Amino acid sequence: MSHPPPSTTLSNPWWALVVLLAGTLLPPLDFFVVNTALPFIQQDLHASDTATQLVVSAYAATYAVFLITGGRLGDLYGRRRVFLAAMAGFSLSSLICGLASSAAMLVFGRILQGAAAAVMAPQALASIHALFPDTHKQRALGLYGVTFGMAAVVGQVMGGWLIDIDLFGLGWRNLFLVNIPVLLVAIPAALMLVPENRAEHPQRLDPIGILLLAAALICLIVPLVEGRHLDWPLWSLVMLLASLPLFLLFWHHEHRLFAQGRDPLVIPAVFDAPGMVRGLLATVFFYAIAPFFLLFAIHQHAYAQLPPLQAGLSVLPLGVGFLIGPLFSGWCISATYQRYVAPVAIVIEALGVWGTGLVAASDHAFWLSITLFLIGAGEGMALPPLVRHVVQRVDRRWAGLAAGLVNSVLQCSSALFVAIEGGLFFPLVGHAFCPARVAQAFTITCIVIGALLLSALLAYPRRADTLTE
């Protein structure tokens, strides 16, 4: 599908991309960066275990719930305008988190931060689709993949580093306050460098659709995030069961609006594109890797007995692989073989996960670096083609919807596999957190993660569904 670039495109949109990638990095970064700080937050704010868990899960749930709505807001009201508003909201919520005097205030700030992130993140991916001609879009998406994926690695390293240096004696608060100077630079830069782009014929928002989708996603995400560590109380099971009829009710509502010629939140016709559903399903299984970072951090802390900074630095080989992978797939592989990049990369990633599970319990640090590098390289090579396959299927006017859809699928998949893989790992570890049991549980869980990754190959679009290069 080829589209002429919009008239608002800059003569050199790469400068705009630099600013847009800041909006790509911050939302996932602020999810991962907090993991290393949870013990310090709990101690400083005298928070309960449930409140401490909510610091992570409230952000994750809010972020996942409003991604599709955030993408549509950019389509309707202008992606730069919405991007700027979301960055301002992210700054304010980061300030609230950094100044929080209680666990309740911190959780409230995290909910606001998750909502702002859900509006900010889709604008970057949608703007790439709208601003870049097809000849340059693959490279732009490669850089997007680097930035999105590096957030996990950078988050863990930066979290450990900021806690270690304890800048101005603020401790864990620096993890949130550091966002403010970054955004004070990014907001003026976005005003100068990012051209406005939006759907040519703006449509009305669908408030009933927003409420139904939010209710369905809340009923799905909240139990997945909170259920395991609360031993799956009755309310969590009821919410999970309620999510299916809510999704069906939402889909019926969207079809009815579309048939009446009105403006649904999610355009049903988007899913009619060849390979779209298979691409989204492959993306679901591809993100089975999401819990790996948390489980690896637990392994490094409980088995290897590493302090926060060293534990964060131990994952750097994965980051190096993630940096190289998208660049390799975008610049060095002939277009003739592009359709094979994602499947081969997923196999490499699965082999890396299996290798990490096998060598993590040994003292072979060299081999651990190699296997972590394979995970990063495989994920980095696979992510841009998967994203491109979904986003480039749709018309530019629905770019925000497609971007929100991809990000929402990734976040829902992350929550799903955290529940599945955490439900395997933590019972195997038990309550004592014995190093030997942690190592054994980590190895077994890595075997499962690798198998789930390979499941993405079964869903990956067939050759007849792939994009014309």
Protein backbone atom coordinates (compact mmCIF):
# COMPACT_ATOMS: atom_id res chain seq x y z
CA MET A 1 0.00 0.00 0.00
CA SER A 2 1.63 3.23 -1.13
CA HIS A 3 0.61 6.68 0.05
CA PRO A 4 1.92 10.08 -0.97
CA PRO A 5 3.36 11.94 1.99
CA PRO A 6 1.09 14.61 3.48
CA SER A 7 1.63 18.21 2.55
CA THR A 8 2.65 19.07 6.11
CA THR A 9 5.73 16.85 6.02
CA LEU A 10 9.01 18.59 6.78
CA SER A 11 11.69 18.58 4.10
CA ASN A 12 13.71 16.52 6.57
CA PRO A 13 11.32 14.60 8.87
CA TRP A 14 14.26 12.91 10.63
CA TRP A 15 14.52 15.90 12.98
CA ALA A 16 10.88 15.41 13.91
CA LEU A 17 11.62 11.72 14.51
CA VAL A 18 14.18 12.59 17.21
CA VAL A 19 11.47 14.35 19.23
CA LEU A 20 8.85 11.69 18.53
CA LEU A 21 11.19 8.98 19.80
CA ALA A 22 11.36 10.77 23.16
CA GLY A 23 7.62 10.17 23.38
CA THR A 24 8.25 6.55 22.41
CA LEU A 25 10.90 5.99 25.09
CA LEU A 26 9.32 7.56 28.17
CA PRO A 27 6.10 5.49 28.56
CA PRO A 28 7.72 2.01 28.66
CA LEU A 29 10.80 3.42 30.41
CA ASP A 30 8.68 4.61 33.33
CA PHE A 31 7.23 1.14 33.67
CA PHE A 32 10.59 -0.64 33.91
CA VAL A 33 12.55 1.98 35.83
CA VAL A 34 10.37 1.59 38.94
CA ASN A 35 11.07 -2.15 39.37
CA THR A 36 14.45 -1.55 41.02
CA ALA A 37 13.02 1.07 43.38
CA LEU A 38 10.04 -0.77 44.87
CA PRO A 39 11.80 -1.87 48.11
CA PHE A 40 12.99 1.72 48.72
CA ILE A 41 9.53 3.17 47.97
CA GLN A 42 7.88 0.71 50.33
CA GLN A 43 10.30 1.52 53.14
CA ASP A 44 10.20 5.30 52.69
CA LEU A 45 6.40 5.63 52.40
CA HIS A 46 5.61 2.80 54.86
CA ALA A 47 3.50 1.25 52.13
CA SER A 48 1.79 -2.13 52.29
CA ASP A 49 2.66 -4.89 49.82
CA THR A 50 -0.60 -4.21 47.95
CA ALA A 51 0.08 -0.46 47.70
CA THR A 52 3.63 -1.11 46.53
CA GLN A 53 2.39 -3.45 43.80
CA LEU A 54 -0.13 -0.80 42.73
CA VAL A 55 2.74 1.59 42.00
CA VAL A 56 3.55 -0.67 39.04
CA SER A 57 0.16 -2.15 38.19
CA ALA A 58 -1.88 1.09 38.33
CA TYR A 59 0.41 2.59 35.70
CA ALA A 60 0.41 -0.54 33.54
CA ALA A 61 -3.37 -0.97 33.66
CA THR A 62 -4.17 2.68 32.90
CA TYR A 63 -1.62 2.74 30.09
CA ALA A 64 -3.05 -0.38 28.44
CA VAL A 65 -6.69 0.70 28.82
CA PHE A 66 -6.43 4.09 27.10
CA LEU A 67 -3.92 3.43 24.28
CA ILE A 68 -6.52 2.97 21.53
CA THR A 69 -8.43 6.05 22.70
CA GLY A 70 -5.15 7.99 22.80
CA GLY A 71 -4.39 6.99 19.22
CA ARG A 72 -7.82 8.10 18.02
CA LEU A 73 -7.48 11.48 19.76
CA GLY A 74 -4.46 12.20 17.57
CA ASP A 75 -6.36 11.21 14.43
CA LEU A 76 -9.20 13.55 15.32
CA TYR A 77 -7.57 16.60 16.90
CA GLY A 78 -4.08 16.62 15.42
CA ARG A 79 -1.20 14.40 16.48
CA ARG A 80 1.25 17.17 17.37
CA ARG A 81 -1.36 19.00 19.45
CA VAL A 82 -2.30 15.83 21.33
CA PHE A 83 1.38 14.86 21.66
CA LEU A 84 2.19 18.22 23.28
CA ALA A 85 -0.78 18.00 25.66
CA ALA A 86 0.21 14.47 26.66
CA MET A 87 3.83 15.48 27.31
CA ALA A 88 2.60 18.33 29.54
CA GLY A 89 0.37 15.86 31.41
CA PHE A 90 3.25 13.42 31.75
CA SER A 91 5.41 16.19 33.24
CA LEU A 92 2.75 17.15 35.79
CA SER A 93 2.09 13.56 36.81
CA SER A 94 5.84 12.88 37.12
CA LEU A 95 6.07 15.87 39.48
CA ILE A 96 3.19 14.49 41.57
CA CYS A 97 4.95 11.10 41.77
CA GLY A 98 8.28 12.67 42.67
CA LEU A 99 6.76 14.78 45.46
CA ALA A 100 4.42 12.06 46.78
CA SER A 101 4.17 12.06 50.57
CA SER A 102 2.12 8.86 50.79
CA ALA A 103 1.55 5.65 48.89
CA ALA A 104 -1.96 6.81 47.93
CA MET A 105 -0.58 10.02 46.40
CA LEU A 106 2.06 8.06 44.49
CA VAL A 107 -0.53 5.61 43.11
CA PHE A 108 -2.74 8.54 42.08
CA GLY A 109 0.22 10.12 40.27
CA ARG A 110 0.97 6.83 38.55
CA ILE A 111 -2.62 6.58 37.27
CA LEU A 112 -2.34 10.08 35.79
CA GLN A 113 1.07 9.21 34.37
CA GLY A 114 -0.31 6.06 32.75
CA ALA A 115 -3.17 8.01 31.16
CA ALA A 116 -0.77 10.65 29.79
CA ALA A 117 1.55 7.93 28.49
CA ALA A 118 -1.36 6.21 26.73
CA VAL A 119 -2.13 9.43 24.85
CA MET A 120 1.52 10.28 24.11
CA ALA A 121 2.84 6.93 22.89
CA PRO A 122 0.58 6.31 19.84
CA GLN A 123 1.26 9.78 18.39
CA ALA A 124 4.88 8.90 17.67
CA LEU A 125 4.11 5.71 15.74
CA ALA A 126 1.15 7.30 13.94
CA SER A 127 3.23 10.33 12.95
CA ILE A 128 5.95 8.10 11.53
CA HIS A 129 3.31 6.44 9.35
CA ALA A 130 1.84 9.79 8.31
CA LEU A 131 5.02 11.86 7.80
CA PHE A 132 7.49 9.46 6.20
CA PRO A 133 7.28 8.32 2.58
CA ASP A 134 7.32 4.57 2.07
CA THR A 135 10.95 4.65 0.92
CA HIS A 136 12.12 5.89 4.35
CA LYS A 137 9.45 4.41 6.59
CA GLN A 138 11.27 1.11 7.15
CA ARG A 139 14.34 2.86 8.56
CA ALA A 140 12.19 5.12 10.72
CA LEU A 141 10.35 2.10 12.11
CA GLY A 142 13.70 0.42 12.74
CA LEU A 143 14.71 3.35 14.97
CA TYR A 144 11.27 3.21 16.59
CA GLY A 145 11.88 -0.47 17.36
CA VAL A 146 15.29 0.31 18.87
CA THR A 147 13.81 3.01 21.10
CA PHE A 148 10.75 1.05 22.20
CA GLY A 149 12.70 -2.09 23.01
CA MET A 150 15.64 -0.35 24.67
CA ALA A 151 13.28 1.11 27.28
CA ALA A 152 13.37 -2.13 29.29
CA VAL A 153 17.17 -2.25 29.39
CA VAL A 154 17.67 1.48 29.91
CA GLY A 155 14.96 1.48 32.58
CA GLN A 156 16.64 -1.17 34.71
CA VAL A 157 20.13 0.31 34.32
CA MET A 158 18.96 3.88 34.93
CA GLY A 159 16.83 2.83 37.90
CA GLY A 160 19.78 1.16 39.58
CA TRP A 161 22.10 4.05 38.74
CA LEU A 162 19.80 6.80 40.04
CA ILE A 163 19.25 4.93 43.29
CA ASP A 164 22.99 4.29 43.62
CA ILE A 165 24.08 7.94 43.17
CA ASP A 166 21.14 9.28 45.25
CA LEU A 167 21.21 12.69 43.52
CA PHE A 168 20.39 15.56 45.93
CA GLY A 169 19.46 12.96 48.53
CA LEU A 170 16.11 12.39 46.79
CA GLY A 171 16.54 8.63 46.42
CA TRP A 172 13.77 6.90 44.45
CA ARG A 173 12.07 10.25 43.72
CA ASN A 174 14.72 10.95 41.07
CA LEU A 175 13.21 8.17 38.96
CA PHE A 176 10.18 10.38 38.36
CA LEU A 177 11.67 13.87 38.61
CA VAL A 178 14.23 13.10 35.89
CA ASN A 179 11.38 13.15 33.35
CA ILE A 180 10.75 16.87 33.89
CA PRO A 181 13.99 18.34 32.44
CA VAL A 182 13.75 15.90 29.52
CA LEU A 183 10.23 17.09 28.71
CA LEU A 184 11.13 20.76 29.22
CA VAL A 185 13.47 20.29 26.24
CA ALA A 186 11.18 17.96 24.26
CA ILE A 187 8.05 20.15 24.35
CA PRO A 188 9.63 23.25 22.69
CA ALA A 189 11.46 20.93 20.27
CA ALA A 190 8.14 19.34 19.27
CA LEU A 191 6.65 22.80 18.64
CA MET A 192 9.51 23.67 16.29
CA LEU A 193 10.25 20.36 14.57
CA VAL A 194 7.11 18.20 14.44
CA PRO A 195 4.56 19.25 11.80
CA GLU A 196 0.89 18.91 12.58
CA ASN A 197 -0.73 15.87 10.98
CA ARG A 198 -4.20 14.45 11.39
CA ALA A 199 -6.96 12.67 9.53
CA GLU A 200 -8.07 14.64 6.46
CA HIS A 201 -11.73 14.43 7.49
CA PRO A 202 -11.83 14.52 11.32
CA GLN A 203 -14.58 12.44 12.86
CA ARG A 204 -16.41 12.66 16.14
CA LEU A 205 -15.26 10.75 19.18
CA ASP A 206 -17.29 7.73 20.26
CA PRO A 207 -17.89 8.18 24.02
CA ILE A 208 -19.96 5.00 24.44
CA GLY A 209 -17.27 3.03 22.62
CA ILE A 210 -14.57 4.55 24.86
CA LEU A 211 -16.49 3.56 28.01
CA LEU A 212 -17.23 0.03 26.79
CA LEU A 213 -13.64 -0.59 25.66
CA ALA A 214 -12.24 0.87 28.89
CA ALA A 215 -14.56 -1.33 30.97
CA ALA A 216 -13.62 -4.44 28.96
CA LEU A 217 -9.89 -3.75 29.20
CA ILE A 218 -10.10 -2.94 32.92
CA CYS A 219 -11.88 -6.25 33.53
CA LEU A 220 -9.13 -8.02 31.58
CA ILE A 221 -5.99 -6.15 32.67
CA VAL A 222 -6.59 -5.48 36.38
CA PRO A 223 -7.13 -9.17 37.34
CA LEU A 224 -4.15 -10.23 35.22
CA VAL A 225 -1.93 -7.66 36.93
CA GLU A 226 -3.28 -7.99 40.49
CA GLY A 227 -4.75 -11.51 40.63
CA ARG A 228 -1.64 -13.65 41.04
CA HIS A 229 -0.08 -11.97 44.05
CA LEU A 230 -3.52 -11.79 45.74
CA ASP A 231 -4.07 -15.56 45.15
CA TRP A 232 -6.83 -14.94 42.60
CA PRO A 233 -9.70 -13.65 44.79
CA LEU A 234 -13.28 -14.07 43.62
CA TRP A 235 -13.55 -10.49 42.32
CA SER A 236 -10.60 -11.07 39.95
CA LEU A 237 -12.23 -14.16 38.43
CA VAL A 238 -15.58 -12.36 38.08
CA MET A 239 -13.87 -9.46 36.28
CA LEU A 240 -12.09 -11.84 33.91
CA LEU A 241 -15.36 -13.55 33.06
CA ALA A 242 -17.07 -10.18 32.55
CA SER A 243 -14.42 -9.00 30.09
CA LEU A 244 -15.60 -11.27 27.25
CA PRO A 245 -19.24 -10.07 27.11
CA LEU A 246 -18.01 -6.48 27.44
CA PHE A 247 -15.69 -6.94 24.45
CA LEU A 248 -18.54 -8.49 22.47
CA LEU A 249 -20.86 -5.63 23.43
CA PHE A 250 -18.20 -3.10 22.40
CA TRP A 251 -17.67 -4.83 19.05
CA HIS A 252 -21.43 -4.95 18.37
CA HIS A 253 -21.66 -1.23 19.17
CA GLU A 254 -18.77 -0.41 16.80
CA HIS A 255 -20.27 -2.45 13.96
CA ARG A 256 -23.64 -0.76 14.44
CA LEU A 257 -22.10 2.74 14.28
CA PHE A 258 -20.07 1.83 11.21
CA ALA A 259 -23.14 0.38 9.45
CA GLN A 260 -25.03 3.60 10.19
CA GLY A 261 -22.27 5.70 8.63
CA ARG A 262 -21.29 7.18 11.99
CA ASP A 263 -17.86 7.35 13.67
CA PRO A 264 -16.84 4.31 15.76
CA LEU A 265 -13.78 4.35 18.04
CA VAL A 266 -12.36 1.28 16.26
CA ILE A 267 -13.05 1.01 12.54
CA PRO A 268 -14.16 -2.61 11.87
CA ALA A 269 -12.84 -2.41 8.32
CA VAL A 270 -9.29 -2.11 9.67
CA PHE A 271 -9.36 -5.82 10.54
CA ASP A 272 -10.38 -6.81 7.01
CA ALA A 273 -6.91 -6.11 5.60
CA PRO A 274 -5.17 -9.37 4.56
CA GLY A 275 -2.94 -10.60 7.35
CA MET A 276 -4.02 -7.95 9.88
CA VAL A 277 -5.53 -10.37 12.43
CA ARG A 278 -2.67 -12.84 12.02
CA GLY A 279 -0.18 -9.99 12.48
CA LEU A 280 -1.83 -8.90 15.72
CA LEU A 281 -1.95 -12.50 16.99
CA ALA A 282 1.75 -12.95 16.20
CA THR A 283 2.42 -9.73 18.13
CA VAL A 284 0.59 -11.17 21.16
CA PHE A 285 2.89 -14.22 21.35
CA PHE A 286 5.96 -12.17 20.45
CA TYR A 287 5.55 -10.17 23.66
CA ALA A 288 5.72 -13.32 25.81
CA ILE A 289 9.25 -12.01 26.41
CA ALA A 290 7.94 -9.06 28.49
CA PRO A 291 8.16 -10.72 31.96
CA PHE A 292 11.70 -11.92 31.26
CA PHE A 293 13.22 -8.63 32.41
CA LEU A 294 11.55 -8.76 35.82
CA LEU A 295 12.36 -12.46 36.29
CA PHE A 296 15.99 -11.92 35.26
CA ALA A 297 16.30 -9.02 37.72
CA ILE A 298 14.93 -11.27 40.51
CA HIS A 299 17.39 -13.99 39.49
CA GLN A 300 20.34 -11.59 39.56
CA HIS A 301 19.32 -10.24 42.97
CA ALA A 302 18.39 -13.52 44.69
CA TYR A 303 20.82 -15.95 43.02
CA ALA A 304 23.76 -13.82 41.94
CA GLN A 305 23.37 -11.50 44.98
CA LEU A 306 23.99 -8.37 42.90
CA PRO A 307 23.13 -4.85 44.12
CA PRO A 308 20.63 -2.77 42.04
CA LEU A 309 23.19 -1.05 39.79
CA GLN A 310 25.14 -4.22 38.98
CA ALA A 311 21.92 -6.14 38.41
CA GLY A 312 20.85 -3.46 35.95
CA LEU A 313 24.22 -3.48 34.19
CA SER A 314 24.14 -7.28 33.81
CA VAL A 315 21.41 -6.97 31.18
CA LEU A 316 23.46 -4.60 28.99
CA PRO A 317 24.43 -7.30 26.42
CA LEU A 318 20.71 -7.62 25.67
CA GLY A 319 20.58 -3.87 25.13
CA VAL A 320 23.53 -3.99 22.74
CA GLY A 321 21.75 -6.70 20.76
CA PHE A 322 18.56 -4.67 20.68
CA LEU A 323 20.49 -1.68 19.39
CA ILE A 324 22.08 -3.64 16.56
CA GLY A 325 19.11 -5.83 15.60
CA PRO A 326 16.72 -3.21 14.14
CA LEU A 327 19.55 -1.43 12.35
CA PHE A 328 20.62 -4.71 10.77
CA SER A 329 17.11 -5.58 9.63
CA GLY A 330 16.47 -2.09 8.32
CA TRP A 331 19.72 -1.34 6.51
CA CYS A 332 21.59 -4.54 5.77
CA ILE A 333 19.04 -7.07 4.56
CA SER A 334 17.86 -7.10 0.97
CA ALA A 335 14.20 -6.26 0.45
CA THR A 336 13.83 -9.68 -1.19
CA TYR A 337 14.35 -11.33 2.19
CA GLN A 338 12.46 -8.84 4.38
CA ARG A 339 9.50 -11.19 4.87
CA TYR A 340 11.85 -13.74 6.47
CA VAL A 341 13.39 -11.30 8.97
CA ALA A 342 10.78 -11.55 11.73
CA PRO A 343 10.44 -15.38 11.71
CA VAL A 344 14.23 -15.90 11.75
CA ALA A 345 14.64 -13.25 14.44
CA ILE A 346 11.99 -14.88 16.65
CA VAL A 347 13.85 -18.20 16.42
CA ILE A 348 17.11 -16.43 17.40
CA GLU A 349 15.34 -14.80 20.34
CA ALA A 350 13.86 -18.10 21.54
CA LEU A 351 17.29 -19.76 21.36
CA GLY A 352 18.71 -16.86 23.38
CA VAL A 353 16.03 -17.25 26.06
CA TRP A 354 16.60 -21.00 26.31
CA GLY A 355 20.36 -20.46 26.45
CA THR A 356 19.99 -17.84 29.20
CA GLY A 357 17.84 -20.19 31.24
CA LEU A 358 20.45 -22.94 30.96
CA VAL A 359 23.58 -20.89 31.71
CA ALA A 360 22.17 -18.41 34.26
CA ALA A 361 22.60 -20.93 37.07
CA SER A 362 26.28 -21.44 36.19
CA ASP A 363 29.32 -19.23 36.56
CA HIS A 364 29.84 -18.87 32.82
CA ALA A 365 29.36 -15.11 32.57
CA PHE A 366 30.74 -15.05 29.02
CA TRP A 367 28.04 -17.41 27.72
CA LEU A 368 25.38 -15.50 29.60
CA SER A 369 26.44 -12.35 27.76
CA ILE A 370 26.16 -14.20 24.43
CA THR A 371 22.69 -15.56 25.13
CA LEU A 372 21.43 -12.17 26.36
CA PHE A 373 22.82 -10.59 23.19
CA LEU A 374 20.89 -13.12 21.09
CA ILE A 375 17.66 -12.22 22.92
CA GLY A 376 18.20 -8.51 22.24
CA ALA A 377 19.24 -8.99 18.62
CA GLY A 378 16.31 -11.29 17.89
CA GLU A 379 13.75 -9.02 19.53
CA GLY A 380 15.25 -5.94 17.90
CA MET A 381 15.15 -7.50 14.44
CA ALA A 382 11.59 -8.83 14.81
CA LEU A 383 9.80 -5.84 16.35
CA PRO A 384 10.00 -3.33 13.44
CA PRO A 385 8.63 -5.76 10.80
CA LEU A 386 5.82 -6.82 13.14
CA VAL A 387 4.85 -3.21 13.85
CA ARG A 388 5.23 -2.25 10.21
CA HIS A 389 3.05 -5.14 9.12
CA VAL A 390 0.14 -3.88 11.21
CA VAL A 391 0.51 -0.10 10.92
CA GLN A 392 1.20 0.03 7.19
CA ARG A 393 -1.95 -1.97 6.47
CA VAL A 394 -4.22 0.96 7.24
CA ASP A 395 -4.91 4.26 5.55
CA ARG A 396 -2.98 7.25 6.90
CA ARG A 397 -6.16 8.76 8.31
CA TRP A 398 -6.41 5.80 10.71
CA ALA A 399 -2.71 5.76 11.63
CA GLY A 400 -3.46 6.76 15.23
CA LEU A 401 -5.95 3.91 15.59
CA ALA A 402 -3.41 1.40 14.23
CA ALA A 403 -0.66 2.76 16.50
CA GLY A 404 -2.91 2.59 19.54
CA LEU A 405 -4.00 -0.90 18.56
CA VAL A 406 -0.42 -2.19 18.27
CA ASN A 407 0.63 -0.63 21.58
CA SER A 408 -2.53 -1.87 23.30
CA VAL A 409 -1.96 -5.42 22.05
CA LEU A 410 1.63 -5.28 23.34
CA GLN A 411 0.53 -4.07 26.78
CA CYS A 412 -2.36 -6.55 27.09
CA SER A 413 0.00 -9.32 26.00
CA SER A 414 2.53 -8.18 28.61
CA ALA A 415 -0.09 -8.35 31.37
CA LEU A 416 -1.31 -11.74 30.16
CA PHE A 417 2.15 -13.31 30.14
CA VAL A 418 3.16 -11.71 33.44
CA ALA A 419 0.20 -13.59 34.93
CA ILE A 420 1.02 -16.86 33.12
CA GLU A 421 4.78 -16.86 33.59
CA GLY A 422 4.65 -15.30 37.05
CA GLY A 423 2.08 -17.95 37.98
CA LEU A 424 4.70 -20.55 37.02
CA PHE A 425 7.84 -18.87 38.41
CA PHE A 426 6.74 -17.77 41.88
CA PRO A 427 5.12 -21.05 43.00
CA LEU A 428 8.29 -22.86 41.90
CA VAL A 429 10.39 -20.44 43.97
CA GLY A 430 8.19 -20.65 47.08
CA HIS A 431 8.28 -18.19 49.97
CA ALA A 432 11.89 -18.70 51.06
CA PHE A 433 13.51 -17.42 47.85
CA CYS A 434 16.27 -20.00 48.16
CA PRO A 435 18.93 -19.22 45.48
CA ALA A 436 18.88 -22.79 44.15
CA ARG A 437 15.08 -22.72 43.75
CA VAL A 438 15.21 -19.28 42.10
CA ALA A 439 17.72 -20.64 39.56
CA GLN A 440 15.62 -23.73 38.89
CA ALA A 441 12.40 -21.71 38.52
CA PHE A 442 14.13 -19.25 36.20
CA THR A 443 15.41 -22.05 33.95
CA ILE A 444 11.98 -23.71 33.69
CA THR A 445 10.23 -20.39 33.02
CA CYS A 446 12.76 -19.54 30.28
CA ILE A 447 11.96 -22.83 28.55
CA VAL A 448 8.27 -21.88 28.56
CA ILE A 449 8.99 -18.33 27.32
CA GLY A 450 10.99 -19.71 24.39
CA ALA A 451 8.15 -22.06 23.44
CA LEU A 452 5.62 -19.19 23.59
CA LEU A 453 7.85 -17.08 21.36
CA LEU A 454 7.95 -19.83 18.76
CA SER A 455 4.14 -19.89 18.85
CA ALA A 456 4.27 -16.49 17.15
CA LEU A 457 5.57 -18.26 14.04
CA LEU A 458 2.31 -20.22 13.75
CA ALA A 459 0.32 -16.97 13.70
CA TYR A 460 2.75 -14.97 11.56
CA PRO A 461 1.13 -13.82 8.28
CA ARG A 462 1.55 -16.12 5.33
CA ARG A 463 3.50 -15.05 2.28
CA ALA A 464 0.27 -14.09 0.49
CA ASP A 465 -0.50 -11.65 3.32
CA THR A 466 2.87 -9.90 3.45
CA LEU A 467 3.35 -6.37 2.26
CA THR A 468 4.70 -5.66 -1.17
CA GLU A 469 8.19 -4.36 -0.78
